[in-house]
PDB file of N, CA and C in Angstrom:
ATOM      1  N   MET A   1      -0.212 -34.588  27.273  1.00  0.00           N
ATOM      2  CA  MET A   1       0.632 -33.571  27.889  1.00  0.00           C
ATOM      3  C   MET A   1       2.072 -34.050  28.003  1.00  0.00           C
ATOM      4  N   ALA A   2       2.251 -35.330  28.245  1.00  0.00           N
ATOM      5  CA  ALA A   2       3.609 -35.851  28.394  1.00  0.00           C
ATOM      6  C   ALA A   2       4.401 -35.662  27.104  1.00  0.00           C
ATOM      7  N   LYS A   3       3.760 -35.925  25.960  1.00  0.00           N
ATOM      8  CA  LYS A   3       4.439 -35.755  24.665  1.00  0.00           C
ATOM      9  C   LYS A   3       4.793 -34.287  24.438  1.00  0.00           C
ATOM     10  N   LEU A   4       3.863 -33.401  24.774  1.00  0.00           N
ATOM     11  CA  LEU A   4       4.113 -31.974  24.608  1.00  0.00           C
ATOM     12  C   LEU A   4       5.276 -31.519  25.478  1.00  0.00           C
ATOM     13  N   LYS A   5       5.299 -31.963  26.709  1.00  0.00           N
ATOM     14  CA  LYS A   5       6.384 -31.578  27.613  1.00  0.00           C
ATOM     15  C   LYS A   5       7.724 -32.126  27.159  1.00  0.00           C
ATOM     16  N   LYS A   6       7.697 -33.309  26.542  1.00  0.00           N
ATOM     17  CA  LYS A   6       8.940 -33.931  26.090  1.00  0.00           C
ATOM     18  C   LYS A   6       9.504 -33.253  24.839  1.00  0.00           C
ATOM     19  N   GLU A   7       8.630 -32.856  23.910  1.00  0.00           N
ATOM     20  CA  GLU A   7       9.061 -32.257  22.651  1.00  0.00           C
ATOM     21  C   GLU A   7       8.237 -31.013  22.313  1.00  0.00           C
ATOM     22  N   PRO A   8       8.325 -29.949  23.113  1.00  0.00           N
ATOM     23  CA  PRO A   8       7.479 -28.776  22.861  1.00  0.00           C
ATOM     24  C   PRO A   8       7.745 -28.118  21.507  1.00  0.00           C
ATOM     25  N   ALA A   9       8.980 -28.052  21.072  1.00  0.00           N
ATOM     26  CA  ALA A   9       9.294 -27.408  19.792  1.00  0.00           C
ATOM     27  C   ALA A   9       8.598 -28.117  18.635  1.00  0.00           C
ATOM     28  N   LYS A  10       8.570 -29.421  18.686  1.00  0.00           N
ATOM     29  CA  LYS A  10       7.923 -30.192  17.628  1.00  0.00           C
ATOM     30  C   LYS A  10       6.438 -29.843  17.536  1.00  0.00           C
ATOM     31  N   TYR A  11       5.753 -29.886  18.648  1.00  0.00           N
ATOM     32  CA  TYR A  11       4.312 -29.685  18.637  1.00  0.00           C
ATOM     33  C   TYR A  11       3.919 -28.229  18.407  1.00  0.00           C
ATOM     34  N   PHE A  12       4.664 -27.298  18.971  1.00  0.00           N
ATOM     35  CA  PHE A  12       4.369 -25.896  18.719  1.00  0.00           C
ATOM     36  C   PHE A  12       4.716 -25.533  17.280  1.00  0.00           C
ATOM     37  N   GLY A  13       5.754 -26.154  16.720  1.00  0.00           N
ATOM     38  CA  GLY A  13       6.087 -25.960  15.318  1.00  0.00           C
ATOM     39  C   GLY A  13       4.970 -26.435  14.405  1.00  0.00           C
ATOM     40  N   GLU A  14       4.394 -27.581  14.734  1.00  0.00           N
ATOM     41  CA  GLU A  14       3.268 -28.102  13.952  1.00  0.00           C
ATOM     42  C   GLU A  14       2.058 -27.176  14.056  1.00  0.00           C
ATOM     43  N   LEU A  15       1.822 -26.633  15.238  1.00  0.00           N
ATOM     44  CA  LEU A  15       0.723 -25.694  15.433  1.00  0.00           C
ATOM     45  C   LEU A  15       0.951 -24.431  14.605  1.00  0.00           C
ATOM     46  N   ASP A  16       2.169 -23.895  14.644  1.00  0.00           N
ATOM     47  CA  ASP A  16       2.482 -22.696  13.857  1.00  0.00           C
ATOM     48  C   ASP A  16       2.295 -22.957  12.367  1.00  0.00           C
ATOM     49  N   LEU A  17       2.728 -24.109  11.887  1.00  0.00           N
ATOM     50  CA  LEU A  17       2.559 -24.453  10.478  1.00  0.00           C
ATOM     51  C   LEU A  17       1.079 -24.503  10.109  1.00  0.00           C
ATOM     52  N   ALA A  18       0.263 -25.053  10.972  1.00  0.00           N
ATOM     53  CA  ALA A  18      -1.181 -25.104  10.725  1.00  0.00           C
ATOM     54  C   ALA A  18      -1.780 -23.694  10.671  1.00  0.00           C
ATOM     55  N   VAL A  19      -1.305 -22.791  11.529  1.00  0.00           N
ATOM     56  CA  VAL A  19      -1.781 -21.404  11.523  1.00  0.00           C
ATOM     57  C   VAL A  19      -1.413 -20.746  10.196  1.00  0.00           C
ATOM     58  N   VAL A  20      -0.164 -20.922   9.751  1.00  0.00           N
ATOM     59  CA  VAL A  20       0.277 -20.332   8.486  1.00  0.00           C
ATOM     60  C   VAL A  20      -0.589 -20.852   7.342  1.00  0.00           C
ATOM     61  N   GLU A  21      -0.764 -22.149   7.282  1.00  0.00           N
ATOM     62  CA  GLU A  21      -1.545 -22.741   6.193  1.00  0.00           C
ATOM     63  C   GLU A  21      -2.998 -22.262   6.196  1.00  0.00           C
ATOM     64  N   SER A  22      -3.590 -22.138   7.357  1.00  0.00           N
ATOM     65  CA  SER A  22      -5.004 -21.757   7.420  1.00  0.00           C
ATOM     66  C   SER A  22      -5.222 -20.260   7.181  1.00  0.00           C
ATOM     67  N   GLN A  23      -4.246 -19.411   7.512  1.00  0.00           N
ATOM     68  CA  GLN A  23      -4.438 -17.969   7.382  1.00  0.00           C
ATOM     69  C   GLN A  23      -3.831 -17.380   6.108  1.00  0.00           C
ATOM     70  N   MET A  24      -3.028 -18.153   5.395  1.00  0.00           N
ATOM     71  CA  MET A  24      -2.336 -17.651   4.212  1.00  0.00           C
ATOM     72  C   MET A  24      -3.317 -17.113   3.161  1.00  0.00           C
ATOM     73  N   LYS A  25      -4.377 -17.851   2.885  1.00  0.00           N
ATOM     74  CA  LYS A  25      -5.288 -17.465   1.799  1.00  0.00           C
ATOM     75  C   LYS A  25      -6.035 -16.169   2.092  1.00  0.00           C
ATOM     76  N   ASP A  26      -6.248 -15.844   3.350  1.00  0.00           N
ATOM     77  CA  ASP A  26      -6.986 -14.640   3.720  1.00  0.00           C
ATOM     78  C   ASP A  26      -6.097 -13.533   4.278  1.00  0.00           C
ATOM     79  N   TYR A  27      -4.782 -13.680   4.135  1.00  0.00           N
ATOM     80  CA  TYR A  27      -3.879 -12.666   4.679  1.00  0.00           C
ATOM     81  C   TYR A  27      -4.120 -11.354   3.931  1.00  0.00           C
ATOM     82  N   PRO A  28      -4.360 -10.244   4.636  1.00  0.00           N
ATOM     83  CA  PRO A  28      -4.837  -9.024   3.976  1.00  0.00           C
ATOM     84  C   PRO A  28      -3.769  -8.156   3.296  1.00  0.00           C
ATOM     85  N   LEU A  29      -2.496  -8.403   3.546  1.00  0.00           N
ATOM     86  CA  LEU A  29      -1.459  -7.521   3.010  1.00  0.00           C
ATOM     87  C   LEU A  29      -0.626  -8.203   1.927  1.00  0.00           C
ATOM     88  N   LYS A  30      -0.220  -7.418   0.944  1.00  0.00           N
ATOM     89  CA  LYS A  30       0.669  -7.911  -0.117  1.00  0.00           C
ATOM     90  C   LYS A  30       2.107  -7.455   0.117  1.00  0.00           C
ATOM     91  N   THR A  31       2.310  -6.658   1.160  1.00  0.00           N
ATOM     92  CA  THR A  31       3.630  -6.131   1.488  1.00  0.00           C
ATOM     93  C   THR A  31       3.998  -6.513   2.918  1.00  0.00           C
ATOM     94  N   CYS A  32       5.246  -6.278   3.262  1.00  0.00           N
ATOM     95  CA  CYS A  32       5.740  -6.551   4.613  1.00  0.00           C
ATOM     96  C   CYS A  32       4.993  -5.665   5.608  1.00  0.00           C
ATOM     97  N   LEU A  33       4.542  -6.247   6.688  1.00  0.00           N
ATOM     98  CA  LEU A  33       3.811  -5.517   7.718  1.00  0.00           C
ATOM     99  C   LEU A  33       4.655  -4.400   8.324  1.00  0.00           C
ATOM    100  N   VAL A  34       5.952  -4.594   8.434  1.00  0.00           N
ATOM    101  CA  VAL A  34       6.827  -3.618   9.077  1.00  0.00           C
ATOM    102  C   VAL A  34       7.360  -2.592   8.081  1.00  0.00           C
ATOM    103  N   SER A  35       7.991  -3.051   6.999  1.00  0.00           N
ATOM    104  CA  SER A  35       8.665  -2.133   6.072  1.00  0.00           C
ATOM    105  C   SER A  35       7.760  -1.596   4.975  1.00  0.00           C
ATOM    106  N   GLY A  36       6.681  -2.319   4.671  1.00  0.00           N
ATOM    107  CA  GLY A  36       5.819  -1.926   3.570  1.00  0.00           C
ATOM    108  C   GLY A  36       6.350  -2.345   2.216  1.00  0.00           C
ATOM    109  N   LYS A  37       7.485  -3.033   2.202  1.00  0.00           N
ATOM    110  CA  LYS A  37       8.102  -3.474   0.955  1.00  0.00           C
ATOM    111  C   LYS A  37       7.516  -4.817   0.518  1.00  0.00           C
ATOM    112  N   PRO A  38       7.511  -5.070  -0.791  1.00  0.00           N
ATOM    113  CA  PRO A  38       7.063  -6.385  -1.250  1.00  0.00           C
ATOM    114  C   PRO A  38       8.008  -7.467  -0.733  1.00  0.00           C
ATOM    115  N   PRO A  39       7.462  -8.588  -0.317  1.00  0.00           N
ATOM    116  CA  PRO A  39       8.334  -9.666   0.172  1.00  0.00           C
ATOM    117  C   PRO A  39       9.142 -10.266  -0.978  1.00  0.00           C
ATOM    118  N   GLY A  40      10.359 -10.653  -0.675  1.00  0.00           N
ATOM    119  CA  GLY A  40      11.220 -11.268  -1.678  1.00  0.00           C
ATOM    120  C   GLY A  40      11.573 -12.686  -1.279  1.00  0.00           C
ATOM    121  N   SER A  41      12.759 -13.084  -1.628  1.00  0.00           N
ATOM    122  CA  SER A  41      13.196 -14.456  -1.369  1.00  0.00           C
ATOM    123  C   SER A  41      13.467 -14.733   0.110  1.00  0.00           C
ATOM    124  N   GLU A  42      13.565 -13.685   0.920  1.00  0.00           N
ATOM    125  CA  GLU A  42      13.856 -13.858   2.349  1.00  0.00           C
ATOM    126  C   GLU A  42      12.594 -13.729   3.213  1.00  0.00           C
ATOM    127  N   LEU A  43      11.426 -13.906   2.616  1.00  0.00           N
ATOM    128  CA  LEU A  43      10.150 -13.787   3.325  1.00  0.00           C
ATOM    129  C   LEU A  43      10.134 -14.634   4.595  1.00  0.00           C
ATOM    130  N   VAL A  44       9.640 -14.043   5.665  1.00  0.00           N
ATOM    131  CA  VAL A  44       9.502 -14.739   6.946  1.00  0.00           C
ATOM    132  C   VAL A  44       8.024 -14.774   7.304  1.00  0.00           C
ATOM    133  N   ASP A  45       7.498 -15.976   7.477  1.00  0.00           N
ATOM    134  CA  ASP A  45       6.151 -16.145   8.014  1.00  0.00           C
ATOM    135  C   ASP A  45       6.309 -16.423   9.496  1.00  0.00           C
ATOM    136  N   TYR A  46       5.772 -15.530  10.315  1.00  0.00           N
ATOM    137  CA  TYR A  46       5.940 -15.581  11.759  1.00  0.00           C
ATOM    138  C   TYR A  46       4.560 -15.694  12.400  1.00  0.00           C
ATOM    139  N   VAL A  47       4.445 -16.512  13.415  1.00  0.00           N
ATOM    140  CA  VAL A  47       3.169 -16.674  14.118  1.00  0.00           C
ATOM    141  C   VAL A  47       3.322 -16.133  15.534  1.00  0.00           C
ATOM    142  N   ILE A  48       2.412 -15.234  15.876  1.00  0.00           N
ATOM    143  CA  ILE A  48       2.372 -14.673  17.222  1.00  0.00           C
ATOM    144  C   ILE A  48       0.903 -14.618  17.646  1.00  0.00           C
ATOM    145  N   ALA A  49       0.620 -15.141  18.820  1.00  0.00           N
ATOM    146  CA  ALA A  49      -0.753 -15.162  19.353  1.00  0.00           C
ATOM    147  C   ALA A  49      -1.720 -15.771  18.333  1.00  0.00           C
ATOM    148  N   ASN A  50      -1.285 -16.862  17.709  1.00  0.00           N
ATOM    149  CA  ASN A  50      -2.083 -17.571  16.699  1.00  0.00           C
ATOM    150  C   ASN A  50      -2.471 -16.706  15.512  1.00  0.00           C
ATOM    151  N   GLN A  51      -1.623 -15.719  15.189  1.00  0.00           N
ATOM    152  CA  GLN A  51      -1.837 -14.863  14.030  1.00  0.00           C
ATOM    153  C   GLN A  51      -0.620 -14.928  13.119  1.00  0.00           C
ATOM    154  N   LEU A  52      -0.866 -15.069  11.830  1.00  0.00           N
ATOM    155  CA  LEU A  52       0.204 -15.038  10.844  1.00  0.00           C
ATOM    156  C   LEU A  52       0.631 -13.604  10.597  1.00  0.00           C
ATOM    157  N   VAL A  53       1.940 -13.384  10.581  1.00  0.00           N
ATOM    158  CA  VAL A  53       2.525 -12.094  10.241  1.00  0.00           C
ATOM    159  C   VAL A  53       3.568 -12.372   9.161  1.00  0.00           C
ATOM    160  N   ARG A  54       3.453 -11.684   8.018  1.00  0.00           N
ATOM    161  CA  ARG A  54       4.382 -11.884   6.906  1.00  0.00           C
ATOM    162  C   ARG A  54       5.350 -10.710   6.870  1.00  0.00           C
ATOM    163  N   LEU A  55       6.636 -11.028   6.899  1.00  0.00           N
ATOM    164  CA  LEU A  55       7.682 -10.010   6.970  1.00  0.00           C
ATOM    165  C   LEU A  55       8.689 -10.212   5.848  1.00  0.00           C
ATOM    166  N   ALA A  56       9.287  -9.129   5.382  1.00  0.00           N
ATOM    167  CA  ALA A  56      10.201  -9.181   4.240  1.00  0.00           C
ATOM    168  C   ALA A  56      11.458  -9.997   4.537  1.00  0.00           C
ATOM    169  N   ASP A  57      11.957  -9.924   5.773  1.00  0.00           N
ATOM    170  CA  ASP A  57      13.189 -10.636   6.119  1.00  0.00           C
ATOM    171  C   ASP A  57      13.362 -10.654   7.638  1.00  0.00           C
ATOM    172  N   PHE A  58      14.457 -11.248   8.099  1.00  0.00           N
ATOM    173  CA  PHE A  58      14.675 -11.373   9.543  1.00  0.00           C
ATOM    174  C   PHE A  58      14.937 -10.030  10.219  1.00  0.00           C
ATOM    175  N   ASP A  59      15.479  -9.051   9.485  1.00  0.00           N
ATOM    176  CA  ASP A  59      15.655  -7.718  10.073  1.00  0.00           C
ATOM    177  C   ASP A  59      14.302  -7.121  10.459  1.00  0.00           C
ATOM    178  N   GLN A  60      13.301  -7.352   9.611  1.00  0.00           N
ATOM    179  CA  GLN A  60      11.963  -6.844   9.911  1.00  0.00           C
ATOM    180  C   GLN A  60      11.350  -7.589  11.094  1.00  0.00           C
ATOM    181  N   LEU A  61      11.700  -8.856  11.237  1.00  0.00           N
ATOM    182  CA  LEU A  61      11.232  -9.624  12.396  1.00  0.00           C
ATOM    183  C   LEU A  61      11.765  -9.015  13.692  1.00  0.00           C
ATOM    184  N   ILE A  62      13.009  -8.621  13.683  1.00  0.00           N
ATOM    185  CA  ILE A  62      13.595  -7.988  14.871  1.00  0.00           C
ATOM    186  C   ILE A  62      12.852  -6.694  15.198  1.00  0.00           C
ATOM    187  N   LEU A  63      12.588  -5.891  14.176  1.00  0.00           N
ATOM    188  CA  LEU A  63      11.838  -4.647  14.394  1.00  0.00           C
ATOM    189  C   LEU A  63      10.418  -4.934  14.874  1.00  0.00           C
ATOM    190  N   PHE A  64       9.794  -5.949  14.309  1.00  0.00           N
ATOM    191  CA  PHE A  64       8.447  -6.332  14.738  1.00  0.00           C
ATOM    192  C   PHE A  64       8.439  -6.696  16.219  1.00  0.00           C
ATOM    193  N   GLN A  65       9.415  -7.466  16.646  1.00  0.00           N
ATOM    194  CA  GLN A  65       9.461  -7.931  18.031  1.00  0.00           C
ATOM    195  C   GLN A  65       9.690  -6.806  19.019  1.00  0.00           C
ATOM    196  N   GLU A  66      10.190  -5.666  18.559  1.00  0.00           N
ATOM    197  CA  GLU A  66      10.384  -4.517  19.446  1.00  0.00           C
ATOM    198  C   GLU A  66       9.052  -3.843  19.802  1.00  0.00           C
ATOM    199  N   ALA A  67       8.055  -3.954  18.916  1.00  0.00           N
ATOM    200  CA  ALA A  67       6.753  -3.308  19.156  1.00  0.00           C
ATOM    201  C   ALA A  67       5.635  -4.118  18.501  1.00  0.00           C
ATOM    202  N   PRO A  68       5.448  -5.366  18.920  1.00  0.00           N
ATOM    203  CA  PRO A  68       4.457  -6.203  18.240  1.00  0.00           C
ATOM    204  C   PRO A  68       3.037  -5.649  18.303  1.00  0.00           C
ATOM    205  N   GLY A  69       2.659  -5.026  19.393  1.00  0.00           N
ATOM    206  CA  GLY A  69       1.312  -4.484  19.522  1.00  0.00           C
ATOM    207  C   GLY A  69       1.005  -3.453  18.451  1.00  0.00           C
ATOM    208  N   LYS A  70       1.949  -2.599  18.182  1.00  0.00           N
ATOM    209  CA  LYS A  70       1.790  -1.564  17.158  1.00  0.00           C
ATOM    210  C   LYS A  70       1.515  -2.198  15.803  1.00  0.00           C
ATOM    211  N   PHE A  71       2.273  -3.210  15.453  1.00  0.00           N
ATOM    212  CA  PHE A  71       2.129  -3.836  14.141  1.00  0.00           C
ATOM    213  C   PHE A  71       0.898  -4.738  14.068  1.00  0.00           C
ATOM    214  N   LEU A  72       0.543  -5.368  15.171  1.00  0.00           N
ATOM    215  CA  LEU A  72      -0.666  -6.194  15.171  1.00  0.00           C
ATOM    216  C   LEU A  72      -1.916  -5.333  14.992  1.00  0.00           C
ATOM    217  N   LYS A  73      -1.885  -4.106  15.526  1.00  0.00           N
ATOM    218  CA  LYS A  73      -3.001  -3.180  15.306  1.00  0.00           C
ATOM    219  C   LYS A  73      -3.108  -2.838  13.820  1.00  0.00           C
ATOM    220  N   LYS A  74      -1.969  -2.636  13.188  1.00  0.00           N
ATOM    221  CA  LYS A  74      -1.943  -2.338  11.752  1.00  0.00           C
ATOM    222  C   LYS A  74      -2.497  -3.512  10.953  1.00  0.00           C
ATOM    223  N   LEU A  75      -2.142  -4.727  11.333  1.00  0.00           N
ATOM    224  CA  LEU A  75      -2.655  -5.921  10.670  1.00  0.00           C
ATOM    225  C   LEU A  75      -4.162  -6.044  10.878  1.00  0.00           C
ATOM    226  N   GLN A  76      -4.611  -5.800  12.092  1.00  0.00           N
ATOM    227  CA  GLN A  76      -6.046  -5.863  12.398  1.00  0.00           C
ATOM    228  C   GLN A  76      -6.822  -4.849  11.569  1.00  0.00           C
ATOM    229  N   ALA A  77      -6.277  -3.657  11.415  1.00  0.00           N
ATOM    230  CA  ALA A  77      -6.941  -2.614  10.614  1.00  0.00           C
ATOM    231  C   ALA A  77      -7.027  -3.046   9.149  1.00  0.00           C
ATOM    232  N   ALA A  78      -6.018  -3.735   8.652  1.00  0.00           N
ATOM    233  CA  ALA A  78      -6.022  -4.192   7.260  1.00  0.00           C
ATOM    234  C   ALA A  78      -7.071  -5.273   7.032  1.00  0.00           C
ATOM    235  N   ARG A  79      -7.445  -5.973   8.069  1.00  0.00           N
ATOM    236  CA  ARG A  79      -8.454  -7.034   7.945  1.00  0.00           C
ATOM    237  C   ARG A  79      -9.867  -6.448   7.805  1.00  0.00           C
ATOM    238  N   HIS A  80     -10.043  -5.192   8.202  1.00  0.00           N
ATOM    239  CA  HIS A  80     -11.398  -4.605   8.181  1.00  0.00           C
ATOM    240  C   HIS A  80     -11.577  -3.645   7.062  1.00  0.00           C
TER     241      HIS A  80
END
């Protein structure tokens, strides 16, 4: 706990990277969760509640953060 408290960004960053690596192969969408556009060179892999969310760019991340529940439901539906 002492290490985590001293460097939380380091350890949470490592956790997020592990989530991305483990969920990448089974990610159900080929397009941006928010815009529906194919991801390009500005692809953002974002982790929220231990779930990978792939977004076309940082603008889509801002939109995602305005209503994450709505988009997480869409992601959950794509998994089934």
